[in-house]
């Protein structure tokens, strides 16, 4: 192939779409307060029980928004639906990450105590 043909192929390989440029990374403190009526302490809290409650509220809001969309209700907002979904996925990932770290830490602590117990005998 000629240089111009190669240049033409590479130009079409990965154009950046305008819709991709508008996406912002999920920031918990900024995005959750826009999506759900939460107190600042509820947003800042990272313990397991509060996180489970937050996930339940996000699921409920997503379900309500989905039902508005399916029903053709005039208050349905596609952008809100997408933001809720993005927030839910990010919070699920954070919850799984924390859960895995806690399990790993517990397993390491249990493994260390078992090894220490067998070594002292």
PDB file of N, CA and C in Angstrom:
ATOM      1  N   UNK A   1       0.832  -1.185   0.000  1.00  0.00           N
ATOM      2  CA  UNK A   1       0.000   0.000   0.000  1.00  0.00           C
ATOM      3  C   UNK A   1       0.871   1.241   0.000  1.00  0.00           C
ATOM      4  N   UNK A   2       0.285   2.315  -0.466  1.00  0.00           N
ATOM      5  CA  UNK A   2       1.025   3.572  -0.479  1.00  0.00           C
ATOM      6  C   UNK A   2       0.908   4.262   0.876  1.00  0.00           C
ATOM      7  N   UNK A   3       1.725   5.289   1.055  1.00  0.00           N
ATOM      8  CA  UNK A   3       1.700   6.018   2.316  1.00  0.00           C
ATOM      9  C   UNK A   3       0.363   6.713   2.534  1.00  0.00           C
ATOM     10  N   UNK A   4      -0.234   7.193   1.479  1.00  0.00           N
ATOM     11  CA  UNK A   4      -1.517   7.886   1.630  1.00  0.00           C
ATOM     12  C   UNK A   4      -2.614   6.906   2.015  1.00  0.00           C
ATOM     13  N   UNK A   5      -2.551   5.692   1.461  1.00  0.00           N
ATOM     14  CA  UNK A   5      -3.557   4.692   1.817  1.00  0.00           C
ATOM     15  C   UNK A   5      -3.387   4.275   3.270  1.00  0.00           C
ATOM     16  N   UNK A   6      -2.126   4.120   3.730  1.00  0.00           N
ATOM     17  CA  UNK A   6      -1.886   3.765   5.123  1.00  0.00           C
ATOM     18  C   UNK A   6      -2.369   4.876   6.051  1.00  0.00           C
ATOM     19  N   UNK A   7      -2.118   6.112   5.665  1.00  0.00           N
ATOM     20  CA  UNK A   7      -2.541   7.245   6.482  1.00  0.00           C
ATOM     21  C   UNK A   7      -4.055   7.304   6.561  1.00  0.00           C
ATOM     22  N   UNK A   8      -4.715   6.979   5.476  1.00  0.00           N
ATOM     23  CA  UNK A   8      -6.176   6.991   5.470  1.00  0.00           C
ATOM     24  C   UNK A   8      -6.751   5.921   6.377  1.00  0.00           C
ATOM     25  N   UNK A   9      -6.117   4.735   6.402  1.00  0.00           N
ATOM     26  CA  UNK A   9      -6.592   3.664   7.271  1.00  0.00           C
ATOM     27  C   UNK A   9      -6.393   4.017   8.734  1.00  0.00           C
ATOM     28  N   UNK A  10      -5.239   4.576   9.060  1.00  0.00           N
ATOM     29  CA  UNK A  10      -4.981   4.892  10.456  1.00  0.00           C
ATOM     30  C   UNK A  10      -5.858   6.043  10.941  1.00  0.00           C
ATOM     31  N   UNK A  11      -6.256   6.914  10.045  1.00  0.00           N
ATOM     32  CA  UNK A  11      -7.119   8.025  10.441  1.00  0.00           C
ATOM     33  C   UNK A  11      -8.501   7.523  10.836  1.00  0.00           C
ATOM     34  N   UNK A  12      -8.947   6.426  10.216  1.00  0.00           N
ATOM     35  CA  UNK A  12     -10.273   5.892  10.517  1.00  0.00           C
ATOM     36  C   UNK A  12     -10.236   4.839  11.607  1.00  0.00           C
ATOM     37  N   UNK A  13      -9.062   4.493  12.097  1.00  0.00           N
ATOM     38  CA  UNK A  13      -8.947   3.410  13.059  1.00  0.00           C
ATOM     39  C   UNK A  13      -9.572   3.751  14.403  1.00  0.00           C
ATOM     40  N   UNK A  14      -9.405   4.967  14.871  1.00  0.00           N
ATOM     41  CA  UNK A  14      -9.917   5.273  16.202  1.00  0.00           C
ATOM     42  C   UNK A  14     -10.369   6.698  16.384  1.00  0.00           C
ATOM     43  N   UNK A  15     -11.388   7.128  15.643  1.00  0.00           N
ATOM     44  CA  UNK A  15     -11.839   8.503  15.849  1.00  0.00           C
ATOM     45  C   UNK A  15     -12.519   8.625  17.211  1.00  0.00           C
ATOM     46  N   UNK A  16     -12.339   9.742  17.841  1.00  0.00           N
ATOM     47  CA  UNK A  16     -12.965   9.981  19.136  1.00  0.00           C
ATOM     48  C   UNK A  16     -14.349  10.557  18.897  1.00  0.00           C
ATOM     49  N   UNK A  17     -15.347   9.889  19.408  1.00  0.00           N
ATOM     50  CA  UNK A  17     -16.716  10.328  19.225  1.00  0.00           C
ATOM     51  C   UNK A  17     -17.041  11.457  20.189  1.00  0.00           C
ATOM     52  N   UNK A  18     -17.921  12.320  19.764  1.00  0.00           N
ATOM     53  CA  UNK A  18     -18.308  13.446  20.621  1.00  0.00           C
ATOM     54  C   UNK A  18     -18.990  12.949  21.883  1.00  0.00           C
ATOM     55  N   UNK A  19     -19.731  11.856  21.784  1.00  0.00           N
ATOM     56  CA  UNK A  19     -20.425  11.340  22.965  1.00  0.00           C
ATOM     57  C   UNK A  19     -19.423  10.837  24.007  1.00  0.00           C
ATOM     58  N   UNK A  20     -18.264  10.315  23.573  1.00  0.00           N
ATOM     59  CA  UNK A  20     -17.247   9.856  24.509  1.00  0.00           C
ATOM     60  C   UNK A  20     -16.588  11.031  25.219  1.00  0.00           C
ATOM     61  N   UNK A  21     -16.474  12.148  24.537  1.00  0.00           N
ATOM     62  CA  UNK A  21     -15.822  13.313  25.120  1.00  0.00           C
ATOM     63  C   UNK A  21     -16.645  13.899  26.257  1.00  0.00           C
ATOM     64  N   UNK A  22     -17.970  13.728  26.222  1.00  0.00           N
ATOM     65  CA  UNK A  22     -18.829  14.287  27.242  1.00  0.00           C
ATOM     66  C   UNK A  22     -18.893  13.459  28.518  1.00  0.00           C
ATOM     67  N   UNK A  23     -18.406  12.226  28.484  1.00  0.00           N
ATOM     68  CA  UNK A  23     -18.456  11.379  29.659  1.00  0.00           C
ATOM     69  C   UNK A  23     -17.433  11.838  30.683  1.00  0.00           C
ATOM     70  N   UNK A  24     -17.878  11.839  31.924  1.00  0.00           N
ATOM     71  CA  UNK A  24     -16.971  12.177  33.004  1.00  0.00           C
ATOM     72  C   UNK A  24     -16.842  10.954  33.897  1.00  0.00           C
ATOM     73  N   UNK A  25     -15.730  10.865  34.558  1.00  0.00           N
ATOM     74  CA  UNK A  25     -15.533   9.775  35.497  1.00  0.00           C
ATOM     75  C   UNK A  25     -16.475   9.968  36.690  1.00  0.00           C
ATOM     76  N   UNK A  26     -16.899   8.875  37.267  1.00  0.00           N
ATOM     77  CA  UNK A  26     -17.797   8.909  38.417  1.00  0.00           C
ATOM     78  C   UNK A  26     -17.034   9.401  39.643  1.00  0.00           C
ATOM     79  N   UNK A  27     -17.564  10.438  40.267  1.00  0.00           N
ATOM     80  CA  UNK A  27     -17.023  10.962  41.521  1.00  0.00           C
ATOM     81  C   UNK A  27     -18.157  10.893  42.529  1.00  0.00           C
ATOM     82  N   UNK A  28     -17.965  10.071  43.540  1.00  0.00           N
ATOM     83  CA  UNK A  28     -19.035   9.777  44.493  1.00  0.00           C
ATOM     84  C   UNK A  28     -19.621  11.041  45.126  1.00  0.00           C
ATOM     85  N   UNK A  29     -18.785  11.896  45.665  1.00  0.00           N
ATOM     86  CA  UNK A  29     -19.264  13.085  46.379  1.00  0.00           C
ATOM     87  C   UNK A  29     -20.041  14.030  45.462  1.00  0.00           C
ATOM     88  N   UNK A  30     -19.638  14.107  44.214  1.00  0.00           N
ATOM     89  CA  UNK A  30     -20.297  15.016  43.279  1.00  0.00           C
ATOM     90  C   UNK A  30     -21.577  14.398  42.715  1.00  0.00           C
ATOM     91  N   UNK A  31     -21.503  13.158  42.294  1.00  0.00           N
ATOM     92  CA  UNK A  31     -22.603  12.567  41.534  1.00  0.00           C
ATOM     93  C   UNK A  31     -23.753  12.048  42.386  1.00  0.00           C
ATOM     94  N   UNK A  32     -23.455  11.466  43.544  1.00  0.00           N
ATOM     95  CA  UNK A  32     -24.536  10.913  44.353  1.00  0.00           C
ATOM     96  C   UNK A  32     -25.491  11.978  44.864  1.00  0.00           C
ATOM     97  N   UNK A  33     -24.962  13.139  45.220  1.00  0.00           N
ATOM     98  CA  UNK A  33     -25.851  14.180  45.738  1.00  0.00           C
ATOM     99  C   UNK A  33     -26.778  14.722  44.658  1.00  0.00           C
ATOM    100  N   UNK A  34     -26.421  14.559  43.406  1.00  0.00           N
ATOM    101  CA  UNK A  34     -27.293  14.990  42.309  1.00  0.00           C
ATOM    102  C   UNK A  34     -28.358  13.952  41.983  1.00  0.00           C
ATOM    103  N   UNK A  35     -28.084  12.694  42.324  1.00  0.00           N
ATOM    104  CA  UNK A  35     -28.975  11.610  41.938  1.00  0.00           C
ATOM    105  C   UNK A  35     -29.967  11.209  43.024  1.00  0.00           C
ATOM    106  N   UNK A  36     -29.514  11.240  44.269  1.00  0.00           N
ATOM    107  CA  UNK A  36     -30.344  10.772  45.373  1.00  0.00           C
ATOM    108  C   UNK A  36     -30.358  11.795  46.500  1.00  0.00           C
ATOM    109  N   UNK A  37     -31.467  11.867  47.225  1.00  0.00           N
ATOM    110  CA  UNK A  37     -31.479  12.755  48.398  1.00  0.00           C
ATOM    111  C   UNK A  37     -30.742  12.093  49.557  1.00  0.00           C
ATOM    112  N   UNK A  38     -29.485  12.426  49.724  1.00  0.00           N
ATOM    113  CA  UNK A  38     -28.642  11.819  50.753  1.00  0.00           C
ATOM    114  C   UNK A  38     -28.020  12.903  51.627  1.00  0.00           C
ATOM    115  N   UNK A  39     -27.790  12.562  52.876  1.00  0.00           N
ATOM    116  CA  UNK A  39     -27.044  13.430  53.766  1.00  0.00           C
ATOM    117  C   UNK A  39     -25.559  13.281  53.449  1.00  0.00           C
ATOM    118  N   UNK A  40     -24.765  14.314  53.698  1.00  0.00           N
ATOM    119  CA  UNK A  40     -23.322  14.220  53.433  1.00  0.00           C
ATOM    120  C   UNK A  40     -22.644  13.052  54.166  1.00  0.00           C
ATOM    121  N   UNK A  41     -23.111  12.753  55.381  1.00  0.00           N
ATOM    122  CA  UNK A  41     -22.508  11.633  56.120  1.00  0.00           C
ATOM    123  C   UNK A  41     -22.823  10.290  55.449  1.00  0.00           C
ATOM    124  N   UNK A  42     -23.964  10.208  54.757  1.00  0.00           N
ATOM    125  CA  UNK A  42     -24.304   8.975  54.051  1.00  0.00           C
ATOM    126  C   UNK A  42     -23.397   8.782  52.825  1.00  0.00           C
ATOM    127  N   UNK A  43     -23.007   9.879  52.218  1.00  0.00           N
ATOM    128  CA  UNK A  43     -22.114   9.807  51.061  1.00  0.00           C
ATOM    129  C   UNK A  43     -20.698   9.482  51.507  1.00  0.00           C
ATOM    130  N   UNK A  44     -20.281  10.068  52.625  1.00  0.00           N
ATOM    131  CA  UNK A  44     -18.905   9.884  53.100  1.00  0.00           C
ATOM    132  C   UNK A  44     -18.687   8.518  53.748  1.00  0.00           C
ATOM    133  N   UNK A  45     -19.733   7.899  54.257  1.00  0.00           N
ATOM    134  CA  UNK A  45     -19.590   6.635  54.978  1.00  0.00           C
ATOM    135  C   UNK A  45     -19.182   5.502  54.048  1.00  0.00           C
ATOM    136  N   UNK A  46     -18.268   4.673  54.511  1.00  0.00           N
ATOM    137  CA  UNK A  46     -17.815   3.537  53.703  1.00  0.00           C
ATOM    138  C   UNK A  46     -17.935   2.208  54.448  1.00  0.00           C
ATOM    139  N   UNK A  47     -18.678   2.160  55.581  1.00  0.00           N
ATOM    140  CA  UNK A  47     -18.797   0.861  56.243  1.00  0.00           C
ATOM    141  C   UNK A  47     -19.790  -0.015  55.473  1.00  0.00           C
ATOM    142  N   UNK A  48     -19.753  -1.283  55.723  1.00  0.00           N
ATOM    143  CA  UNK A  48     -20.504  -2.251  54.911  1.00  0.00           C
ATOM    144  C   UNK A  48     -22.016  -2.042  54.995  1.00  0.00           C
ATOM    145  N   UNK A  49     -22.532  -1.766  56.184  1.00  0.00           N
ATOM    146  CA  UNK A  49     -23.983  -1.615  56.339  1.00  0.00           C
ATOM    147  C   UNK A  49     -24.492  -0.385  55.591  1.00  0.00           C
ATOM    148  N   UNK A  50     -23.791   0.728  55.725  1.00  0.00           N
ATOM    149  CA  UNK A  50     -24.210   1.946  55.016  1.00  0.00           C
ATOM    150  C   UNK A  50     -24.077   1.779  53.508  1.00  0.00           C
ATOM    151  N   UNK A  51     -23.044   1.067  53.087  1.00  0.00           N
ATOM    152  CA  UNK A  51     -22.851   0.838  51.655  1.00  0.00           C
ATOM    153  C   UNK A  51     -23.961  -0.046  51.104  1.00  0.00           C
ATOM    154  N   UNK A  52     -24.384  -1.039  51.866  1.00  0.00           N
ATOM    155  CA  UNK A  52     -25.490  -1.900  51.436  1.00  0.00           C
ATOM    156  C   UNK A  52     -26.781  -1.097  51.312  1.00  0.00           C
ATOM    157  N   UNK A  53     -27.025  -0.183  52.271  1.00  0.00           N
ATOM    158  CA  UNK A  53     -28.216   0.679  52.187  1.00  0.00           C
ATOM    159  C   UNK A  53     -28.151   1.586  50.969  1.00  0.00           C
ATOM    160  N   UNK A  54     -26.972   2.116  50.689  1.00  0.00           N
ATOM    161  CA  UNK A  54     -26.799   2.981  49.523  1.00  0.00           C
ATOM    162  C   UNK A  54     -27.071   2.212  48.230  1.00  0.00           C
ATOM    163  N   UNK A  55     -26.560   0.995  48.149  1.00  0.00           N
ATOM    164  CA  UNK A  55     -26.813   0.169  46.963  1.00  0.00           C
ATOM    165  C   UNK A  55     -28.301  -0.131  46.807  1.00  0.00           C
ATOM    166  N   UNK A  56     -28.994  -0.375  47.913  1.00  0.00           N
ATOM    167  CA  UNK A  56     -30.436  -0.629  47.852  1.00  0.00           C
ATOM    168  C   UNK A  56     -31.179   0.609  47.346  1.00  0.00           C
ATOM    169  N   UNK A  57     -30.773   1.796  47.801  1.00  0.00           N
ATOM    170  CA  UNK A  57     -31.420   3.031  47.341  1.00  0.00           C
ATOM    171  C   UNK A  57     -31.138   3.273  45.859  1.00  0.00           C
ATOM    172  N   UNK A  58     -29.920   2.975  45.413  1.00  0.00           N
ATOM    173  CA  UNK A  58     -29.609   3.120  43.989  1.00  0.00           C
ATOM    174  C   UNK A  58     -30.429   2.144  43.152  1.00  0.00           C
ATOM    175  N   UNK A  59     -30.560   0.895  43.629  1.00  0.00           N
ATOM    176  CA  UNK A  59     -31.377  -0.094  42.907  1.00  0.00           C
ATOM    177  C   UNK A  59     -32.829   0.381  42.803  1.00  0.00           C
ATOM    178  N   UNK A  60     -33.343   0.921  43.894  1.00  0.00           N
ATOM    179  CA  UNK A  60     -34.729   1.403  43.908  1.00  0.00           C
ATOM    180  C   UNK A  60     -34.914   2.571  42.939  1.00  0.00           C
ATOM    181  N   UNK A  61     -33.966   3.500  42.930  1.00  0.00           N
ATOM    182  CA  UNK A  61     -34.047   4.642  42.016  1.00  0.00           C
ATOM    183  C   UNK A  61     -33.933   4.191  40.562  1.00  0.00           C
ATOM    184  N   UNK A  62     -33.046   3.224  40.306  1.00  0.00           N
ATOM    185  CA  UNK A  62     -32.907   2.686  38.943  1.00  0.00           C
ATOM    186  C   UNK A  62     -34.196   2.004  38.492  1.00  0.00           C
ATOM    187  N   UNK A  63     -34.785   1.225  39.386  1.00  0.00           N
ATOM    188  CA  UNK A  63     -36.023   0.526  39.053  1.00  0.00           C
ATOM    189  C   UNK A  63     -37.130   1.526  38.734  1.00  0.00           C
ATOM    190  N   UNK A  64     -37.238   2.585  39.540  1.00  0.00           N
ATOM    191  CA  UNK A  64     -38.275   3.601  39.309  1.00  0.00           C
ATOM    192  C   UNK A  64     -38.042   4.325  37.983  1.00  0.00           C
ATOM    193  N   UNK A  65     -36.796   4.662  37.705  1.00  0.00           N
ATOM    194  CA  UNK A  65     -36.487   5.361  36.449  1.00  0.00           C
ATOM    195  C   UNK A  65     -36.766   4.456  35.242  1.00  0.00           C
ATOM    196  N   UNK A  66     -36.418   3.180  35.384  1.00  0.00           N
ATOM    197  CA  UNK A  66     -36.676   2.217  34.296  1.00  0.00           C
ATOM    198  C   UNK A  66     -38.178   2.092  34.038  1.00  0.00           C
ATOM    199  N   UNK A  67     -38.971   2.037  35.112  1.00  0.00           N
ATOM    200  CA  UNK A  67     -40.423   1.928  34.961  1.00  0.00           C
ATOM    201  C   UNK A  67     -41.019   3.176  34.304  1.00  0.00           C
ATOM    202  N   UNK A  68     -40.473   4.338  34.641  1.00  0.00           N
ATOM    203  CA  UNK A  68     -40.945   5.565  33.971  1.00  0.00           C
ATOM    204  C   UNK A  68     -40.641   5.508  32.478  1.00  0.00           C
ATOM    205  N   UNK A  69     -39.461   5.000  32.138  1.00  0.00           N
ATOM    206  CA  UNK A  69     -39.091   4.908  30.731  1.00  0.00           C
ATOM    207  C   UNK A  69     -39.953   3.916  29.973  1.00  0.00           C
ATOM    208  N   UNK A  70     -40.157   2.744  30.573  1.00  0.00           N
ATOM    209  CA  UNK A  70     -40.974   1.716  29.911  1.00  0.00           C
ATOM    210  C   UNK A  70     -42.425   2.163  29.766  1.00  0.00           C
ATOM    211  N   UNK A  71     -42.891   2.930  30.726  1.00  0.00           N
ATOM    212  CA  UNK A  71     -44.272   3.404  30.684  1.00  0.00           C
ATOM    213  C   UNK A  71     -44.467   4.628  29.819  1.00  0.00           C
ATOM    214  N   UNK A  72     -43.384   5.206  29.325  1.00  0.00           N
ATOM    215  CA  UNK A  72     -43.494   6.397  28.494  1.00  0.00           C
ATOM    216  C   UNK A  72     -43.892   7.636  29.275  1.00  0.00           C
ATOM    217  N   UNK A  73     -43.562   7.655  30.557  1.00  0.00           N
ATOM    218  CA  UNK A  73     -43.940   8.791  31.393  1.00  0.00           C
ATOM    219  C   UNK A  73     -43.167  10.034  30.982  1.00  0.00           C
ATOM    220  N   UNK A  74     -43.795  11.181  31.094  1.00  0.00           N
ATOM    221  CA  UNK A  74     -43.177  12.423  30.630  1.00  0.00           C
ATOM    222  C   UNK A  74     -42.000  12.852  31.504  1.00  0.00           C
ATOM    223  N   UNK A  75     -41.880  12.339  32.720  1.00  0.00           N
ATOM    224  CA  UNK A  75     -40.772  12.734  33.598  1.00  0.00           C
ATOM    225  C   UNK A  75     -39.528  11.868  33.416  1.00  0.00           C
ATOM    226  N   UNK A  76     -39.609  10.849  32.546  1.00  0.00           N
ATOM    227  CA  UNK A  76     -38.438   9.996  32.332  1.00  0.00           C
ATOM    228  C   UNK A  76     -37.296  10.819  31.747  1.00  0.00           C
ATOM    229  N   UNK A  77     -36.094  10.586  32.299  1.00  0.00           N
ATOM    230  CA  UNK A  77     -34.907  11.309  31.853  1.00  0.00           C
ATOM    231  C   UNK A  77     -33.812  10.298  31.526  1.00  0.00           C
ATOM    232  N   UNK A  78     -33.486  10.180  30.257  1.00  0.00           N
ATOM    233  CA  UNK A  78     -32.475   9.221  29.821  1.00  0.00           C
ATOM    234  C   UNK A  78     -31.112   9.530  30.443  1.00  0.00           C
ATOM    235  N   UNK A  79     -30.767  10.800  30.552  1.00  0.00           N
ATOM    236  CA  UNK A  79     -29.480  11.165  31.144  1.00  0.00           C
ATOM    237  C   UNK A  79     -29.427  10.747  32.611  1.00  0.00           C
ATOM    238  N   UNK A  80     -30.509  10.955  33.354  1.00  0.00           N
ATOM    239  CA  UNK A  80     -30.557  10.528  34.763  1.00  0.00           C
ATOM    240  C   UNK A  80     -30.435   9.017  34.860  1.00  0.00           C
ATOM    241  N   UNK A  81     -31.125   8.309  33.969  1.00  0.00           N
ATOM    242  CA  UNK A  81     -31.067   6.852  33.959  1.00  0.00           C
ATOM    243  C   UNK A  81     -29.622   6.385  33.740  1.00  0.00           C
ATOM    244  N   UNK A  82     -28.934   6.990  32.793  1.00  0.00           N
ATOM    245  CA  UNK A  82     -27.547   6.622  32.515  1.00  0.00           C
ATOM    246  C   UNK A  82     -26.639   6.955  33.698  1.00  0.00           C
ATOM    247  N   UNK A  83     -26.871   8.093  34.340  1.00  0.00           N
ATOM    248  CA  UNK A  83     -26.063   8.470  35.502  1.00  0.00           C
ATOM    249  C   UNK A  83     -26.308   7.532  36.675  1.00  0.00           C
ATOM    250  N   UNK A  84     -27.561   7.142  36.885  1.00  0.00           N
ATOM    251  CA  UNK A  84     -27.872   6.182  37.944  1.00  0.00           C
ATOM    252  C   UNK A  84     -27.182   4.852  37.683  1.00  0.00           C
ATOM    253  N   UNK A  85     -27.217   4.408  36.443  1.00  0.00           N
ATOM    254  CA  UNK A  85     -26.583   3.144  36.095  1.00  0.00           C
ATOM    255  C   UNK A  85     -25.068   3.221  36.283  1.00  0.00           C
ATOM    256  N   UNK A  86     -24.462   4.327  35.882  1.00  0.00           N
ATOM    257  CA  UNK A  86     -23.017   4.517  36.050  1.00  0.00           C
ATOM    258  C   UNK A  86     -22.656   4.522  37.540  1.00  0.00           C
ATOM    259  N   UNK A  87     -23.452   5.216  38.351  1.00  0.00           N
ATOM    260  CA  UNK A  87     -23.207   5.272  39.793  1.00  0.00           C
ATOM    261  C   UNK A  87     -23.377   3.894  40.424  1.00  0.00           C
ATOM    262  N   UNK A  88     -24.419   3.173  40.020  1.00  0.00           N
ATOM    263  CA  UNK A  88     -24.667   1.835  40.570  1.00  0.00           C
ATOM    264  C   UNK A  88     -23.510   0.893  40.254  1.00  0.00           C
ATOM    265  N   UNK A  89     -23.056   0.911  39.020  1.00  0.00           N
ATOM    266  CA  UNK A  89     -21.935   0.036  38.642  1.00  0.00           C
ATOM    267  C   UNK A  89     -20.660   0.390  39.390  1.00  0.00           C
ATOM    268  N   UNK A  90     -20.403   1.683  39.560  1.00  0.00           N
ATOM    269  CA  UNK A  90     -19.210   2.111  40.292  1.00  0.00           C
ATOM    270  C   UNK A  90     -19.305   1.718  41.765  1.00  0.00           C
ATOM    271  N   UNK A  91     -20.476   1.858  42.356  1.00  0.00           N
ATOM    272  CA  UNK A  91     -20.645   1.504  43.772  1.00  0.00           C
ATOM    273  C   UNK A  91     -20.571  -0.007  43.977  1.00  0.00           C
ATOM    274  N   UNK A  92     -21.093  -0.775  43.040  1.00  0.00           N
ATOM    275  CA  UNK A  92     -20.966  -2.240  43.121  1.00  0.00           C
ATOM    276  C   UNK A  92     -19.492  -2.633  43.050  1.00  0.00           C
ATOM    277  N   UNK A  93     -18.759  -2.027  42.130  1.00  0.00           N
ATOM    278  CA  UNK A  93     -17.329  -2.330  42.001  1.00  0.00           C
ATOM    279  C   UNK A  93     -16.578  -1.961  43.275  1.00  0.00           C
ATOM    280  N   UNK A  94     -16.906  -0.816  43.863  1.00  0.00           N
ATOM    281  CA  UNK A  94     -16.251  -0.400  45.108  1.00  0.00           C
ATOM    282  C   UNK A  94     -16.603  -1.354  46.237  1.00  0.00           C
ATOM    283  N   UNK A  95     -17.863  -1.770  46.298  1.00  0.00           N
ATOM    284  CA  UNK A  95     -18.299  -2.702  47.336  1.00  0.00           C
ATOM    285  C   UNK A  95     -17.565  -4.044  47.199  1.00  0.00           C
ATOM    286  N   UNK A  96     -17.462  -4.541  45.991  1.00  0.00           N
ATOM    287  CA  UNK A  96     -16.754  -5.806  45.775  1.00  0.00           C
ATOM    288  C   UNK A  96     -15.274  -5.680  46.098  1.00  0.00           C
ATOM    289  N   UNK A  97     -14.682  -4.555  45.741  1.00  0.00           N
ATOM    290  CA  UNK A  97     -13.268  -4.331  46.027  1.00  0.00           C
ATOM    291  C   UNK A  97     -13.006  -4.324  47.534  1.00  0.00           C
ATOM    292  N   UNK A  98     -13.851  -3.619  48.282  1.00  0.00           N
ATOM    293  CA  UNK A  98     -13.700  -3.557  49.736  1.00  0.00           C
ATOM    294  C   UNK A  98     -13.943  -4.925  50.356  1.00  0.00           C
ATOM    295  N   UNK A  99     -14.959  -5.629  49.875  1.00  0.00           N
ATOM    296  CA  UNK A  99     -15.265  -6.952  50.396  1.00  0.00           C
ATOM    297  C   UNK A  99     -14.105  -7.916  50.167  1.00  0.00           C
ATOM    298  N   UNK A 100     -13.535  -7.895  48.962  1.00  0.00           N
ATOM    299  CA  UNK A 100     -12.400  -8.773  48.659  1.00  0.00           C
ATOM    300  C   UNK A 100     -11.185  -8.428  49.515  1.00  0.00           C
ATOM    301  N   UNK A 101     -10.933  -7.134  49.711  1.00  0.00           N
ATOM    302  CA  UNK A 101      -9.805  -6.729  50.552  1.00  0.00           C
ATOM    303  C   UNK A 101     -10.008  -7.182  51.990  1.00  0.00           C
ATOM    304  N   UNK A 102     -11.248  -7.052  52.496  1.00  0.00           N
ATOM    305  CA  UNK A 102     -11.529  -7.493  53.861  1.00  0.00           C
ATOM    306  C   UNK A 102     -11.353  -8.996  54.000  1.00  0.00           C
ATOM    307  N   UNK A 103     -11.828  -9.754  53.029  1.00  0.00           N
ATOM    308  CA  UNK A 103     -11.667 -11.217  53.079  1.00  0.00           C
ATOM    309  C   UNK A 103     -10.202 -11.610  53.019  1.00  0.00           C
ATOM    310  N   UNK A 104      -9.456 -10.949  52.146  1.00  0.00           N
ATOM    311  CA  UNK A 104      -8.032 -11.249  52.020  1.00  0.00           C
ATOM    312  C   UNK A 104      -7.305 -10.944  53.326  1.00  0.00           C
ATOM    313  N   UNK A 105      -7.662  -9.805  53.919  1.00  0.00           N
ATOM    314  CA  UNK A 105      -7.033  -9.424  55.183  1.00  0.00           C
ATOM    315  C   UNK A 105      -7.397 -10.424  56.283  1.00  0.00           C
ATOM    316  N   UNK A 106      -8.674 -10.844  56.333  1.00  0.00           N
ATOM    317  CA  UNK A 106      -9.096 -11.827  57.328  1.00  0.00           C
ATOM    318  C   UNK A 106      -8.409 -13.169  57.113  1.00  0.00           C
ATOM    319  N   UNK A 107      -8.317 -13.575  55.848  1.00  0.00           N
ATOM    320  CA  UNK A 107      -7.643 -14.842  55.552  1.00  0.00           C
ATOM    321  C   UNK A 107      -6.169 -14.784  55.910  1.00  0.00           C
ATOM    322  N   UNK A 108      -5.536 -13.664  55.630  1.00  0.00           N
ATOM    323  CA  UNK A 108      -4.123 -13.509  55.983  1.00  0.00           C
ATOM    324  C   UNK A 108      -3.944 -13.546  57.490  1.00  0.00           C
ATOM    325  N   UNK A 109      -4.851 -12.891  58.214  1.00  0.00           N
ATOM    326  CA  UNK A 109      -4.761 -12.877  59.675  1.00  0.00           C
ATOM    327  C   UNK A 109      -4.996 -14.275  60.234  1.00  0.00           C
ATOM    328  N   UNK A 110      -5.969 -14.983  59.684  1.00  0.00           N
ATOM    329  CA  UNK A 110      -6.234 -16.353  60.140  1.00  0.00           C
ATOM    330  C   UNK A 110      -5.104 -17.285  59.766  1.00  0.00           C
ATOM    331  N   UNK A 111      -4.569 -17.103  58.585  1.00  0.00           N
ATOM    332  CA  UNK A 111      -3.446 -17.938  58.145  1.00  0.00           C
ATOM    333  C   UNK A 111      -2.211 -17.692  58.979  1.00  0.00           C
ATOM    334  N   UNK A 112      -1.975 -16.434  59.328  1.00  0.00           N
ATOM    335  CA  UNK A 112      -0.820 -16.093  60.151  1.00  0.00           C
ATOM    336  C   UNK A 112      -0.973 -16.680  61.545  1.00  0.00           C
ATOM    337  N   UNK A 113      -2.185 -16.622  62.110  1.00  0.00           N
ATOM    338  CA  UNK A 113      -2.380 -17.158  63.460  1.00  0.00           C
ATOM    339  C   UNK A 113      -2.270 -18.670  63.452  1.00  0.00           C
ATOM    340  N   UNK A 114      -2.752 -19.311  62.384  1.00  0.00           N
ATOM    341  CA  UNK A 114      -2.633 -20.770  62.297  1.00  0.00           C
ATOM    342  C   UNK A 114      -1.178 -21.175  62.151  1.00  0.00           C
ATOM    343  N   UNK A 115      -0.451 -20.428  61.298  1.00  0.00           N
ATOM    344  CA  UNK A 115       0.958 -20.744  61.127  1.00  0.00           C
ATOM    345  C   UNK A 115       1.730 -20.480  62.403  1.00  0.00           C
ATOM    346  N   UNK A 116       1.396 -19.402  63.086  1.00  0.00           N
ATOM    347  CA  UNK A 116       2.087 -19.073  64.329  1.00  0.00           C
ATOM    348  C   UNK A 116       1.771 -20.122  65.386  1.00  0.00           C
ATOM    349  N   UNK A 117       0.527 -20.620  65.387  1.00  0.00           N
ATOM    350  CA  UNK A 117       0.131 -21.648  66.361  1.00  0.00           C
ATOM    351  C   UNK A 117       0.848 -22.962  66.099  1.00  0.00           C
ATOM    352  N   UNK A 118       1.068 -23.312  64.854  1.00  0.00           N
ATOM    353  CA  UNK A 118       1.751 -24.572  64.547  1.00  0.00           C
ATOM    354  C   UNK A 118       3.249 -24.449  64.758  1.00  0.00           C
ATOM    355  N   UNK A 119       3.779 -23.243  64.579  1.00  0.00           N
ATOM    356  CA  UNK A 119       5.209 -23.057  64.732  1.00  0.00           C
ATOM    357  C   UNK A 119       5.586 -23.071  66.211  1.00  0.00           C
ATOM    358  N   UNK A 120       4.704 -22.659  67.095  1.00  0.00           N
ATOM    359  CA  UNK A 120       5.033 -22.587  68.497  1.00  0.00           C
ATOM    360  C   UNK A 120       4.945 -23.930  69.196  1.00  0.00           C
ATOM    361  N   UNK A 121       4.351 -24.929  68.564  1.00  0.00           N
ATOM    362  CA  UNK A 121       4.193 -26.247  69.195  1.00  0.00           C
ATOM    363  C   UNK A 121       5.453 -26.987  69.210  1.00  0.00           C
TER     364      UNK A 121
END
